[in-house]
Amino acid sequence: MDIRALNAAQKYAAARPAMEPVPGTGQGLSETLGETARDFAQTFHEGEETAKAAMIGEADPHALVQALAQTQLAVETAVTVRDKVVEAYQEILRMPV
């Protein structure tokens, strides 16, 4: 047997577990996406509450800036994910059947 083929087979066997889901988590794609959407909504809600508190003088201006930065980061992340999903969908549509 060729040493290179054996080495490649060993590397593949070592890398394969990294690609498999972690057992025991029990989360599928729908649960993960649902959890992400709830986190996204929670970030927005916290930003709104901090902004309201800052308007009436109950919140520190630094807390307002931090909440706005977190909200901006969440929106930019959501837009990036949306763009990637649309790009992947368009790539699938371009595939010949």
N, C-alpha and C. Protein backbone atom coordinates (compact mmCIF):
# COMPACT_ATOMS: atom_id res chain seq x y z
N MET A 1 0.84 -1.18 0.00
CA MET A 1 0.00 0.00 0.00
C MET A 1 0.89 1.24 0.00
N ASP A 2 0.43 2.24 -0.72
CA ASP A 2 1.17 3.50 -0.82
C ASP A 2 1.07 4.27 0.50
N ILE A 3 2.19 4.76 0.97
CA ILE A 3 2.23 5.51 2.24
C ILE A 3 1.37 6.76 2.15
N ARG A 4 1.37 7.45 1.01
CA ARG A 4 0.58 8.68 0.88
C ARG A 4 -0.91 8.39 1.00
N ALA A 5 -1.37 7.30 0.43
CA ALA A 5 -2.78 6.94 0.53
C ALA A 5 -3.15 6.61 1.97
N LEU A 6 -2.28 5.89 2.64
CA LEU A 6 -2.53 5.55 4.04
C LEU A 6 -2.55 6.80 4.90
N ASN A 7 -1.62 7.71 4.64
CA ASN A 7 -1.56 8.97 5.38
C ASN A 7 -2.83 9.79 5.14
N ALA A 8 -3.30 9.83 3.90
CA ALA A 8 -4.51 10.58 3.58
C ALA A 8 -5.72 9.98 4.27
N ALA A 9 -5.79 8.65 4.31
CA ALA A 9 -6.91 7.98 4.98
C ALA A 9 -6.90 8.28 6.48
N GLN A 10 -5.73 8.31 7.08
CA GLN A 10 -5.63 8.62 8.50
C GLN A 10 -6.04 10.07 8.78
N LYS A 11 -5.62 10.99 7.93
CA LYS A 11 -5.99 12.40 8.10
C LYS A 11 -7.50 12.58 7.96
N TYR A 12 -8.10 11.87 7.00
CA TYR A 12 -9.55 11.95 6.81
C TYR A 12 -10.28 11.42 8.04
N ALA A 13 -9.83 10.29 8.56
CA ALA A 13 -10.46 9.70 9.73
C ALA A 13 -10.33 10.62 10.94
N ALA A 14 -9.22 11.33 11.04
CA ALA A 14 -9.03 12.25 12.17
C ALA A 14 -9.89 13.49 12.03
N ALA A 15 -10.13 13.95 10.79
CA ALA A 15 -10.91 15.17 10.57
C ALA A 15 -12.40 14.90 10.58
N ARG A 16 -12.82 13.69 10.35
CA ARG A 16 -14.24 13.38 10.24
C ARG A 16 -15.04 13.72 11.50
N PRO A 17 -14.57 13.42 12.71
CA PRO A 17 -15.37 13.77 13.89
C PRO A 17 -15.59 15.28 14.04
N ALA A 18 -14.72 16.09 13.51
CA ALA A 18 -14.89 17.55 13.61
C ALA A 18 -16.07 18.02 12.80
N MET A 19 -16.47 17.25 11.80
CA MET A 19 -17.57 17.66 10.94
C MET A 19 -18.91 17.13 11.41
N GLU A 20 -18.91 16.22 12.36
CA GLU A 20 -20.15 15.63 12.85
C GLU A 20 -20.73 16.49 13.98
N PRO A 21 -22.06 16.47 14.13
CA PRO A 21 -22.65 17.23 15.23
C PRO A 21 -22.25 16.67 16.58
N VAL A 22 -22.26 17.51 17.57
CA VAL A 22 -21.90 17.10 18.92
C VAL A 22 -23.05 16.29 19.50
N PRO A 23 -22.80 15.05 19.92
CA PRO A 23 -23.89 14.26 20.47
C PRO A 23 -24.34 14.81 21.82
N GLY A 24 -25.62 14.67 22.07
CA GLY A 24 -26.15 15.09 23.36
C GLY A 24 -26.68 16.51 23.37
N THR A 25 -26.41 17.31 22.32
CA THR A 25 -26.94 18.66 22.32
C THR A 25 -28.43 18.65 21.99
N GLY A 26 -28.85 17.75 21.10
CA GLY A 26 -30.26 17.61 20.78
C GLY A 26 -30.83 18.78 19.99
N GLN A 27 -29.99 19.67 19.53
CA GLN A 27 -30.49 20.82 18.80
C GLN A 27 -30.29 20.62 17.31
N GLY A 28 -31.35 20.82 16.59
CA GLY A 28 -31.27 20.80 15.15
C GLY A 28 -31.17 22.21 14.63
N LEU A 29 -31.27 22.34 13.34
CA LEU A 29 -31.16 23.65 12.71
C LEU A 29 -32.30 24.57 13.13
N SER A 30 -33.52 24.03 13.20
CA SER A 30 -34.67 24.88 13.54
C SER A 30 -34.56 25.41 14.97
N GLU A 31 -34.10 24.57 15.90
CA GLU A 31 -33.95 25.04 17.28
C GLU A 31 -32.86 26.10 17.39
N THR A 32 -31.77 25.90 16.65
CA THR A 32 -30.67 26.86 16.69
C THR A 32 -31.10 28.19 16.10
N LEU A 33 -31.82 28.14 14.98
CA LEU A 33 -32.29 29.39 14.37
C LEU A 33 -33.31 30.09 15.25
N GLY A 34 -34.18 29.32 15.89
CA GLY A 34 -35.16 29.91 16.80
C GLY A 34 -34.49 30.60 17.98
N GLU A 35 -33.47 29.95 18.53
CA GLU A 35 -32.73 30.53 19.65
C GLU A 35 -32.01 31.81 19.21
N THR A 36 -31.44 31.78 18.02
CA THR A 36 -30.76 32.96 17.50
C THR A 36 -31.73 34.11 17.30
N ALA A 37 -32.91 33.82 16.78
CA ALA A 37 -33.92 34.86 16.58
C ALA A 37 -34.37 35.45 17.92
N ARG A 38 -34.51 34.60 18.93
CA ARG A 38 -34.89 35.11 20.26
C ARG A 38 -33.79 36.00 20.84
N ASP A 39 -32.54 35.61 20.66
CA ASP A 39 -31.42 36.43 21.13
C ASP A 39 -31.40 37.77 20.41
N PHE A 40 -31.67 37.74 19.11
CA PHE A 40 -31.70 38.97 18.31
C PHE A 40 -32.80 39.90 18.82
N ALA A 41 -33.99 39.35 19.05
CA ALA A 41 -35.11 40.15 19.56
C ALA A 41 -34.81 40.69 20.96
N GLN A 42 -34.16 39.87 21.78
CA GLN A 42 -33.80 40.31 23.14
C GLN A 42 -32.81 41.47 23.09
N THR A 43 -31.85 41.42 22.18
CA THR A 43 -30.88 42.51 22.03
C THR A 43 -31.60 43.80 21.66
N PHE A 44 -32.55 43.71 20.73
CA PHE A 44 -33.33 44.89 20.35
C PHE A 44 -34.13 45.43 21.52
N HIS A 45 -34.76 44.53 22.26
CA HIS A 45 -35.59 44.95 23.39
C HIS A 45 -34.74 45.65 24.44
N GLU A 46 -33.58 45.09 24.75
CA GLU A 46 -32.70 45.72 25.74
C GLU A 46 -32.21 47.09 25.27
N GLY A 47 -31.92 47.22 23.98
CA GLY A 47 -31.50 48.51 23.43
C GLY A 47 -32.60 49.55 23.54
N GLU A 48 -33.83 49.13 23.26
CA GLU A 48 -34.96 50.05 23.36
C GLU A 48 -35.20 50.48 24.81
N GLU A 49 -35.11 49.53 25.72
CA GLU A 49 -35.32 49.86 27.14
C GLU A 49 -34.23 50.81 27.64
N THR A 50 -33.01 50.59 27.23
CA THR A 50 -31.92 51.48 27.64
C THR A 50 -32.11 52.87 27.04
N ALA A 51 -32.55 52.93 25.79
CA ALA A 51 -32.79 54.23 25.15
C ALA A 51 -33.91 54.99 25.86
N LYS A 52 -34.98 54.29 26.23
CA LYS A 52 -36.09 54.93 26.96
C LYS A 52 -35.61 55.45 28.32
N ALA A 53 -34.80 54.62 29.00
CA ALA A 53 -34.30 55.03 30.31
C ALA A 53 -33.36 56.23 30.17
N ALA A 54 -32.58 56.29 29.11
CA ALA A 54 -31.67 57.42 28.90
C ALA A 54 -32.44 58.69 28.59
N MET A 55 -33.57 58.58 27.91
CA MET A 55 -34.37 59.76 27.58
C MET A 55 -34.96 60.43 28.81
N ILE A 56 -35.27 59.64 29.83
CA ILE A 56 -35.84 60.23 31.04
C ILE A 56 -34.80 60.40 32.14
N GLY A 57 -33.54 60.15 31.80
CA GLY A 57 -32.45 60.41 32.72
C GLY A 57 -32.14 59.31 33.70
N GLU A 58 -32.68 58.12 33.49
CA GLU A 58 -32.43 57.02 34.42
C GLU A 58 -31.25 56.14 34.04
N ALA A 59 -30.71 56.33 32.84
CA ALA A 59 -29.61 55.48 32.39
C ALA A 59 -28.38 56.32 32.11
N ASP A 60 -27.25 55.72 32.30
CA ASP A 60 -25.97 56.35 32.03
C ASP A 60 -25.78 56.48 30.52
N PRO A 61 -25.24 57.59 30.04
CA PRO A 61 -25.00 57.74 28.59
C PRO A 61 -24.08 56.66 28.03
N HIS A 62 -23.15 56.17 28.84
CA HIS A 62 -22.26 55.10 28.39
C HIS A 62 -23.04 53.80 28.15
N ALA A 63 -24.03 53.55 29.00
CA ALA A 63 -24.86 52.35 28.82
C ALA A 63 -25.67 52.47 27.54
N LEU A 64 -26.13 53.68 27.23
CA LEU A 64 -26.88 53.91 26.00
C LEU A 64 -26.00 53.64 24.78
N VAL A 65 -24.78 54.16 24.81
CA VAL A 65 -23.86 53.96 23.68
C VAL A 65 -23.55 52.47 23.52
N GLN A 66 -23.34 51.78 24.62
CA GLN A 66 -23.06 50.36 24.56
C GLN A 66 -24.25 49.58 24.01
N ALA A 67 -25.45 49.92 24.45
CA ALA A 67 -26.65 49.23 23.95
C ALA A 67 -26.85 49.49 22.47
N LEU A 68 -26.61 50.72 22.03
CA LEU A 68 -26.74 51.04 20.61
C LEU A 68 -25.69 50.31 19.77
N ALA A 69 -24.48 50.18 20.30
CA ALA A 69 -23.43 49.46 19.59
C ALA A 69 -23.78 47.97 19.47
N GLN A 70 -24.33 47.39 20.53
CA GLN A 70 -24.74 45.98 20.48
C GLN A 70 -25.87 45.79 19.47
N THR A 71 -26.81 46.71 19.45
CA THR A 71 -27.92 46.62 18.51
C THR A 71 -27.42 46.77 17.08
N GLN A 72 -26.51 47.69 16.86
CA GLN A 72 -25.94 47.87 15.52
C GLN A 72 -25.20 46.61 15.07
N LEU A 73 -24.45 46.01 15.96
CA LEU A 73 -23.74 44.78 15.63
C LEU A 73 -24.71 43.65 15.30
N ALA A 74 -25.82 43.57 16.05
CA ALA A 74 -26.82 42.53 15.78
C ALA A 74 -27.46 42.73 14.41
N VAL A 75 -27.76 43.99 14.07
CA VAL A 75 -28.37 44.27 12.76
C VAL A 75 -27.38 43.95 11.64
N GLU A 76 -26.13 44.35 11.80
CA GLU A 76 -25.13 44.06 10.77
C GLU A 76 -24.93 42.56 10.60
N THR A 77 -24.96 41.82 11.69
CA THR A 77 -24.83 40.37 11.61
C THR A 77 -26.02 39.76 10.89
N ALA A 78 -27.23 40.22 11.22
CA ALA A 78 -28.43 39.70 10.56
C ALA A 78 -28.42 40.01 9.07
N VAL A 79 -27.98 41.20 8.70
CA VAL A 79 -27.92 41.56 7.28
C VAL A 79 -26.89 40.70 6.56
N THR A 80 -25.76 40.45 7.19
CA THR A 80 -24.73 39.61 6.58
C THR A 80 -25.23 38.19 6.38
N VAL A 81 -25.90 37.64 7.38
CA VAL A 81 -26.44 36.29 7.26
C VAL A 81 -27.50 36.24 6.17
N ARG A 82 -28.37 37.24 6.14
CA ARG A 82 -29.40 37.29 5.09
C ARG A 82 -28.77 37.34 3.71
N ASP A 83 -27.74 38.16 3.54
CA ASP A 83 -27.07 38.27 2.25
C ASP A 83 -26.45 36.94 1.83
N LYS A 84 -25.85 36.23 2.78
CA LYS A 84 -25.25 34.93 2.47
C LYS A 84 -26.31 33.91 2.09
N VAL A 85 -27.44 33.93 2.78
CA VAL A 85 -28.52 33.00 2.45
C VAL A 85 -29.07 33.29 1.06
N VAL A 86 -29.28 34.55 0.74
CA VAL A 86 -29.77 34.92 -0.59
C VAL A 86 -28.75 34.54 -1.66
N GLU A 87 -27.49 34.76 -1.38
CA GLU A 87 -26.44 34.40 -2.33
C GLU A 87 -26.41 32.89 -2.57
N ALA A 88 -26.55 32.10 -1.51
CA ALA A 88 -26.57 30.64 -1.65
C ALA A 88 -27.79 30.19 -2.43
N TYR A 89 -28.93 30.82 -2.17
CA TYR A 89 -30.16 30.48 -2.91
C TYR A 89 -30.01 30.79 -4.39
N GLN A 90 -29.44 31.94 -4.70
CA GLN A 90 -29.23 32.29 -6.10
C GLN A 90 -28.24 31.35 -6.77
N GLU A 91 -27.24 30.90 -6.02
CA GLU A 91 -26.28 29.94 -6.57
C GLU A 91 -26.97 28.61 -6.87
N ILE A 92 -27.88 28.19 -6.00
CA ILE A 92 -28.62 26.96 -6.25
C ILE A 92 -29.51 27.10 -7.48
N LEU A 93 -30.12 28.27 -7.65
CA LEU A 93 -30.97 28.48 -8.82
C LEU A 93 -30.16 28.45 -10.13
N ARG A 94 -28.90 28.81 -10.07
CA ARG A 94 -28.07 28.82 -11.27
C ARG A 94 -27.53 27.44 -11.64
N MET A 95 -27.68 26.48 -10.74
CA MET A 95 -27.16 25.14 -11.01
C MET A 95 -27.96 24.48 -12.12
N PRO A 96 -27.25 23.84 -13.06
CA PRO A 96 -27.98 23.12 -14.11
C PRO A 96 -28.58 21.82 -13.56
N VAL A 97 -29.74 21.49 -14.07
CA VAL A 97 -30.42 20.28 -13.61
C VAL A 97 -30.20 19.17 -14.58
